[in-house]
Amino acid sequence: MSNKSRAALKPLPTDATKSPEPHQFVILVADDEVIIRNLVTILMQLEGYLVLTAADGQEALELSRTYSGKIDLVMTDMEMPRLNGSDLCAHLLEERPGIKVLVMSGTDIAEIVGANIHMQFLPKPFDGETIKQRVREILGVAPKPSKTRPTSAAKQVVLDHNA
């Protein structure tokens, strides 16, 4: 794994061998773009999800194989080094029946994803509210009550990233 994939912002540490509380959803985020991976991780953690992160498909598959708890959702980019998102999803759907998949991509692959009932598609760029809403819909979770509205700074980072 390159040092580039471990850049700057690091997600909160998690113990990949310990299963979370029964009511907490677990999300596996796989994206080789560190900015996207970290932003998605932070957004999901703020929503109360336990997040496992991987810099590419191979790392995500290895993490899934060592994590003993249930993984409810994999959020993956399609174009990644070592193991692409499509092959990652094929392995995960076989090894973890019932896992849900949200594919995030800058390439329009909605037709390909639409052919697989286990996958949903979210085009890049996206904003924080859109991704949180999609994850809630996929997992069947009600919106998290908040006392303050999120700032537009997180949204702007994602939107400007691909500009």
C-alpha atoms as a PDB file:
ATOM      1  CA  MET A   1       0.000   0.000   0.000  1.00  0.00           C
ATOM      2  CA  SER A   2       1.439   3.369  -0.957  1.00  0.00           C
ATOM      3  CA  ASN A   3       2.010   6.216   1.454  1.00  0.00           C
ATOM      4  CA  LYS A   4      -0.193   8.327  -0.809  1.00  0.00           C
ATOM      5  CA  SER A   5      -3.248   6.275   0.179  1.00  0.00           C
ATOM      6  CA  ARG A   6      -2.554   7.004   3.855  1.00  0.00           C
ATOM      7  CA  ALA A   7      -2.380  10.775   3.382  1.00  0.00           C
ATOM      8  CA  ALA A   8      -3.598  13.528   5.682  1.00  0.00           C
ATOM      9  CA  LEU A   9      -6.972  12.934   7.243  1.00  0.00           C
ATOM     10  CA  LYS A  10      -7.296   9.590   8.987  1.00  0.00           C
ATOM     11  CA  PRO A  11     -10.627   8.093  10.003  1.00  0.00           C
ATOM     12  CA  LEU A  12     -11.362   7.330  13.619  1.00  0.00           C
ATOM     13  CA  PRO A  13      -9.660   4.072  14.603  1.00  0.00           C
ATOM     14  CA  THR A  14     -11.807   0.968  14.665  1.00  0.00           C
ATOM     15  CA  ASP A  15     -11.056  -2.542  15.830  1.00  0.00           C
ATOM     16  CA  ALA A  16     -11.654  -4.685  12.744  1.00  0.00           C
ATOM     17  CA  THR A  17     -11.836  -7.861  14.835  1.00  0.00           C
ATOM     18  CA  LYS A  18     -14.540  -6.667  17.212  1.00  0.00           C
ATOM     19  CA  SER A  19     -18.214  -6.736  16.292  1.00  0.00           C
ATOM     20  CA  PRO A  20     -20.167  -3.531  17.031  1.00  0.00           C
ATOM     21  CA  GLU A  21     -23.347  -3.215  19.030  1.00  0.00           C
ATOM     22  CA  PRO A  22     -26.206  -5.118  17.328  1.00  0.00           C
ATOM     23  CA  HIS A  23     -28.085  -1.974  16.228  1.00  0.00           C
ATOM     24  CA  GLN A  24     -25.097  -0.200  14.652  1.00  0.00           C
ATOM     25  CA  PHE A  25     -24.800  -0.512  10.866  1.00  0.00           C
ATOM     26  CA  VAL A  26     -21.369  -1.276   9.427  1.00  0.00           C
ATOM     27  CA  ILE A  27     -20.204   0.271   6.162  1.00  0.00           C
ATOM     28  CA  LEU A  28     -17.119  -0.699   4.180  1.00  0.00           C
ATOM     29  CA  VAL A  29     -15.805   2.243   2.128  1.00  0.00           C
ATOM     30  CA  ALA A  30     -13.405   1.433  -0.733  1.00  0.00           C
ATOM     31  CA  ASP A  31     -12.040   4.296  -2.804  1.00  0.00           C
ATOM     32  CA  ASP A  32      -8.507   4.977  -4.009  1.00  0.00           C
ATOM     33  CA  GLU A  33      -9.061   8.753  -3.873  1.00  0.00           C
ATOM     34  CA  VAL A  34      -8.050   9.678  -0.330  1.00  0.00           C
ATOM     35  CA  ILE A  35     -10.156  12.856  -0.276  1.00  0.00           C
ATOM     36  CA  ILE A  36     -13.329  11.019  -1.269  1.00  0.00           C
ATOM     37  CA  ARG A  37     -12.607   8.079   1.057  1.00  0.00           C
ATOM     38  CA  ASN A  38     -11.974  10.336   4.057  1.00  0.00           C
ATOM     39  CA  LEU A  39     -14.945  12.591   3.388  1.00  0.00           C
ATOM     40  CA  VAL A  40     -17.339   9.647   2.971  1.00  0.00           C
ATOM     41  CA  THR A  41     -15.902   8.062   6.121  1.00  0.00           C
ATOM     42  CA  ILE A  42     -16.422  11.203   8.187  1.00  0.00           C
ATOM     43  CA  LEU A  43     -19.962  11.745   6.848  1.00  0.00           C
ATOM     44  CA  MET A  44     -20.923   8.160   7.661  1.00  0.00           C
ATOM     45  CA  GLN A  45     -19.334   8.275  11.132  1.00  0.00           C
ATOM     46  CA  LEU A  46     -21.245  11.470  11.900  1.00  0.00           C
ATOM     47  CA  GLU A  47     -24.418   9.580  10.968  1.00  0.00           C
ATOM     48  CA  GLY A  48     -23.531   6.955  13.603  1.00  0.00           C
ATOM     49  CA  TYR A  49     -22.307   4.156  11.348  1.00  0.00           C
ATOM     50  CA  LEU A  50     -19.212   2.062  12.053  1.00  0.00           C
ATOM     51  CA  VAL A  51     -16.967   2.584   9.036  1.00  0.00           C
ATOM     52  CA  LEU A  52     -14.220   0.323   7.733  1.00  0.00           C
ATOM     53  CA  THR A  53     -12.002   1.923   5.079  1.00  0.00           C
ATOM     54  CA  ALA A  54      -9.856   0.589   2.264  1.00  0.00           C
ATOM     55  CA  ALA A  55      -7.682   2.297  -0.341  1.00  0.00           C
ATOM     56  CA  ASP A  56      -8.544  -0.201  -3.093  1.00  0.00           C
ATOM     57  CA  GLY A  57     -10.606  -3.289  -3.840  1.00  0.00           C
ATOM     58  CA  GLN A  58      -7.976  -5.792  -2.694  1.00  0.00           C
ATOM     59  CA  GLU A  59      -7.587  -4.072   0.673  1.00  0.00           C
ATOM     60  CA  ALA A  60     -11.388  -3.962   1.042  1.00  0.00           C
ATOM     61  CA  LEU A  61     -11.681  -7.677   0.293  1.00  0.00           C
ATOM     62  CA  GLU A  62      -8.948  -8.530   2.813  1.00  0.00           C
ATOM     63  CA  LEU A  63     -10.603  -6.308   5.417  1.00  0.00           C
ATOM     64  CA  SER A  64     -13.953  -7.973   4.811  1.00  0.00           C
ATOM     65  CA  ARG A  65     -12.381 -11.400   5.242  1.00  0.00           C
ATOM     66  CA  THR A  66     -10.774 -10.472   8.585  1.00  0.00           C
ATOM     67  CA  TYR A  67     -13.790  -8.597   9.982  1.00  0.00           C
ATOM     68  CA  SER A  68     -15.937 -11.040  11.951  1.00  0.00           C
ATOM     69  CA  GLY A  69     -19.069  -8.892  12.219  1.00  0.00           C
ATOM     70  CA  LYS A  70     -21.783  -8.213   9.687  1.00  0.00           C
ATOM     71  CA  ILE A  71     -21.062  -5.633   6.990  1.00  0.00           C
ATOM     72  CA  ASP A  72     -24.334  -4.057   5.913  1.00  0.00           C
ATOM     73  CA  LEU A  73     -23.146  -1.924   3.015  1.00  0.00           C
ATOM     74  CA  VAL A  74     -20.110  -1.559   0.782  1.00  0.00           C
ATOM     75  CA  MET A  75     -19.593   1.845  -0.804  1.00  0.00           C
ATOM     76  CA  THR A  76     -17.079   1.506  -3.594  1.00  0.00           C
ATOM     77  CA  ASP A  77     -15.524   3.306  -6.498  1.00  0.00           C
ATOM     78  CA  MET A  78     -15.422   1.215  -9.674  1.00  0.00           C
ATOM     79  CA  GLU A  79     -11.996   2.172 -11.006  1.00  0.00           C
ATOM     80  CA  MET A  80      -9.346   1.268  -8.417  1.00  0.00           C
ATOM     81  CA  PRO A  81      -5.901  -0.340  -8.542  1.00  0.00           C
ATOM     82  CA  ARG A  82      -5.272  -4.014  -7.731  1.00  0.00           C
ATOM     83  CA  LEU A  83      -8.965  -5.023  -7.653  1.00  0.00           C
ATOM     84  CA  ASN A  84     -11.685  -2.920  -9.258  1.00  0.00           C
ATOM     85  CA  GLY A  85     -15.077  -2.237  -7.715  1.00  0.00           C
ATOM     86  CA  SER A  86     -16.909  -4.673  -9.966  1.00  0.00           C
ATOM     87  CA  ASP A  87     -14.681  -7.615  -8.971  1.00  0.00           C
ATOM     88  CA  LEU A  88     -14.767  -6.536  -5.324  1.00  0.00           C
ATOM     89  CA  CYS A  89     -18.563  -6.572  -5.384  1.00  0.00           C
ATOM     90  CA  ALA A  90     -18.630  -9.990  -7.054  1.00  0.00           C
ATOM     91  CA  HIS A  91     -16.478 -11.440  -4.246  1.00  0.00           C
ATOM     92  CA  LEU A  92     -18.395  -9.680  -1.465  1.00  0.00           C
ATOM     93  CA  LEU A  93     -21.821 -10.690  -2.791  1.00  0.00           C
ATOM     94  CA  GLU A  94     -20.620 -14.305  -2.877  1.00  0.00           C
ATOM     95  CA  GLU A  95     -18.900 -14.253   0.531  1.00  0.00           C
ATOM     96  CA  ARG A  96     -21.440 -12.072   2.337  1.00  0.00           C
ATOM     97  CA  PRO A  97     -24.920 -12.821   1.003  1.00  0.00           C
ATOM     98  CA  GLY A  98     -27.283  -9.930   1.643  1.00  0.00           C
ATOM     99  CA  ILE A  99     -24.623  -7.212   1.645  1.00  0.00           C
ATOM    100  CA  LYS A 100     -25.849  -4.066  -0.049  1.00  0.00           C
ATOM    101  CA  VAL A 101     -23.739  -2.172  -2.569  1.00  0.00           C
ATOM    102  CA  LEU A 102     -23.525   1.518  -3.438  1.00  0.00           C
ATOM    103  CA  VAL A 103     -21.238   2.206  -6.382  1.00  0.00           C
ATOM    104  CA  MET A 104     -19.770   5.711  -6.536  1.00  0.00           C
ATOM    105  CA  SER A 105     -18.232   6.617  -9.871  1.00  0.00           C
ATOM    106  CA  GLY A 106     -17.422   9.548 -12.103  1.00  0.00           C
ATOM    107  CA  THR A 107     -18.067   7.295 -15.094  1.00  0.00           C
ATOM    108  CA  ASP A 108     -21.704   6.818 -16.058  1.00  0.00           C
ATOM    109  CA  ILE A 109     -22.194   3.146 -15.310  1.00  0.00           C
ATOM    110  CA  ALA A 110     -25.825   3.368 -14.199  1.00  0.00           C
ATOM    111  CA  GLU A 111     -26.890   0.854 -16.858  1.00  0.00           C
ATOM    112  CA  ILE A 112     -24.326  -1.725 -15.724  1.00  0.00           C
ATOM    113  CA  VAL A 113     -25.187  -1.250 -12.058  1.00  0.00           C
ATOM    114  CA  GLY A 114     -28.912  -1.281 -12.833  1.00  0.00           C
ATOM    115  CA  ALA A 115     -28.580  -4.807 -14.229  1.00  0.00           C
ATOM    116  CA  ASN A 116     -27.582  -6.067 -10.763  1.00  0.00           C
ATOM    117  CA  ILE A 117     -30.330  -5.886  -8.132  1.00  0.00           C
ATOM    118  CA  HIS A 118     -27.751  -5.787  -5.312  1.00  0.00           C
ATOM    119  CA  MET A 119     -26.152  -2.563  -6.526  1.00  0.00           C
ATOM    120  CA  GLN A 120     -27.163   1.070  -6.474  1.00  0.00           C
ATOM    121  CA  PHE A 121     -25.355   3.876  -8.289  1.00  0.00           C
ATOM    122  CA  LEU A 122     -24.320   7.337  -7.098  1.00  0.00           C
ATOM    123  CA  PRO A 123     -22.571   9.495  -9.704  1.00  0.00           C
ATOM    124  CA  LYS A 124     -19.567  11.583  -8.696  1.00  0.00           C
ATOM    125  CA  PRO A 125     -19.444  14.400  -7.849  1.00  0.00           C
ATOM    126  CA  PHE A 126     -22.049  14.270  -5.094  1.00  0.00           C
ATOM    127  CA  ASP A 127     -22.741  16.344  -2.006  1.00  0.00           C
ATOM    128  CA  GLY A 128     -22.864  15.287   1.624  1.00  0.00           C
ATOM    129  CA  GLU A 129     -26.646  15.432   1.971  1.00  0.00           C
ATOM    130  CA  THR A 130     -27.178  13.333  -1.158  1.00  0.00           C
ATOM    131  CA  ILE A 131     -24.872  10.534  -0.046  1.00  0.00           C
ATOM    132  CA  LYS A 132     -26.306  10.473   3.488  1.00  0.00           C
ATOM    133  CA  GLN A 133     -29.839  10.282   2.094  1.00  0.00           C
ATOM    134  CA  ARG A 134     -28.928   7.461  -0.321  1.00  0.00           C
ATOM    135  CA  VAL A 135     -27.300   5.432   2.460  1.00  0.00           C
ATOM    136  CA  ARG A 136     -30.339   5.906   4.710  1.00  0.00           C
ATOM    137  CA  GLU A 137     -32.624   4.744   1.875  1.00  0.00           C
ATOM    138  CA  ILE A 138     -30.492   1.678   1.149  1.00  0.00           C
ATOM    139  CA  LEU A 139     -30.246   0.692   4.832  1.00  0.00           C
ATOM    140  CA  GLY A 140     -33.831   1.682   5.657  1.00  0.00           C
ATOM    141  CA  VAL A 141     -32.762   4.130   8.367  1.00  0.00           C
ATOM    142  CA  ALA A 142     -34.617   7.258   9.460  1.00  0.00           C
ATOM    143  CA  PRO A 143     -32.685  10.546   9.247  1.00  0.00           C
ATOM    144  CA  LYS A 144     -30.541  11.283  12.280  1.00  0.00           C
ATOM    145  CA  PRO A 145     -31.965  14.212  14.252  1.00  0.00           C
ATOM    146  CA  SER A 146     -29.526  17.092  14.435  1.00  0.00           C
ATOM    147  CA  LYS A 147     -29.494  20.297  16.414  1.00  0.00           C
ATOM    148  CA  THR A 148     -27.409  22.154  13.872  1.00  0.00           C
ATOM    149  CA  ARG A 149     -27.386  22.149  10.106  1.00  0.00           C
ATOM    150  CA  PRO A 150     -24.156  20.971   8.492  1.00  0.00           C
ATOM    151  CA  THR A 151     -22.015  23.633   6.909  1.00  0.00           C
ATOM    152  CA  SER A 152     -21.601  23.740   3.186  1.00  0.00           C
ATOM    153  CA  ALA A 153     -17.820  23.266   3.547  1.00  0.00           C
ATOM    154  CA  ALA A 154     -18.009  19.460   3.353  1.00  0.00           C
ATOM    155  CA  LYS A 155     -20.302  19.674   0.344  1.00  0.00           C
ATOM    156  CA  GLN A 156     -17.957  22.101  -1.383  1.00  0.00           C
ATOM    157  CA  VAL A 157     -14.935  19.805  -0.948  1.00  0.00           C
ATOM    158  CA  VAL A 158     -16.647  17.002  -2.851  1.00  0.00           C
ATOM    159  CA  LEU A 159     -18.079  19.225  -5.536  1.00  0.00           C
ATOM    160  CA  ASP A 160     -14.775  21.005  -6.140  1.00  0.00           C
ATOM    161  CA  HIS A 161     -12.705  17.808  -6.050  1.00  0.00           C
ATOM    162  CA  ASN A 162     -13.627  16.767  -9.596  1.00  0.00           C
ATOM    163  CA  ALA A 163     -13.922  20.282 -11.026  1.00  0.00           C
END
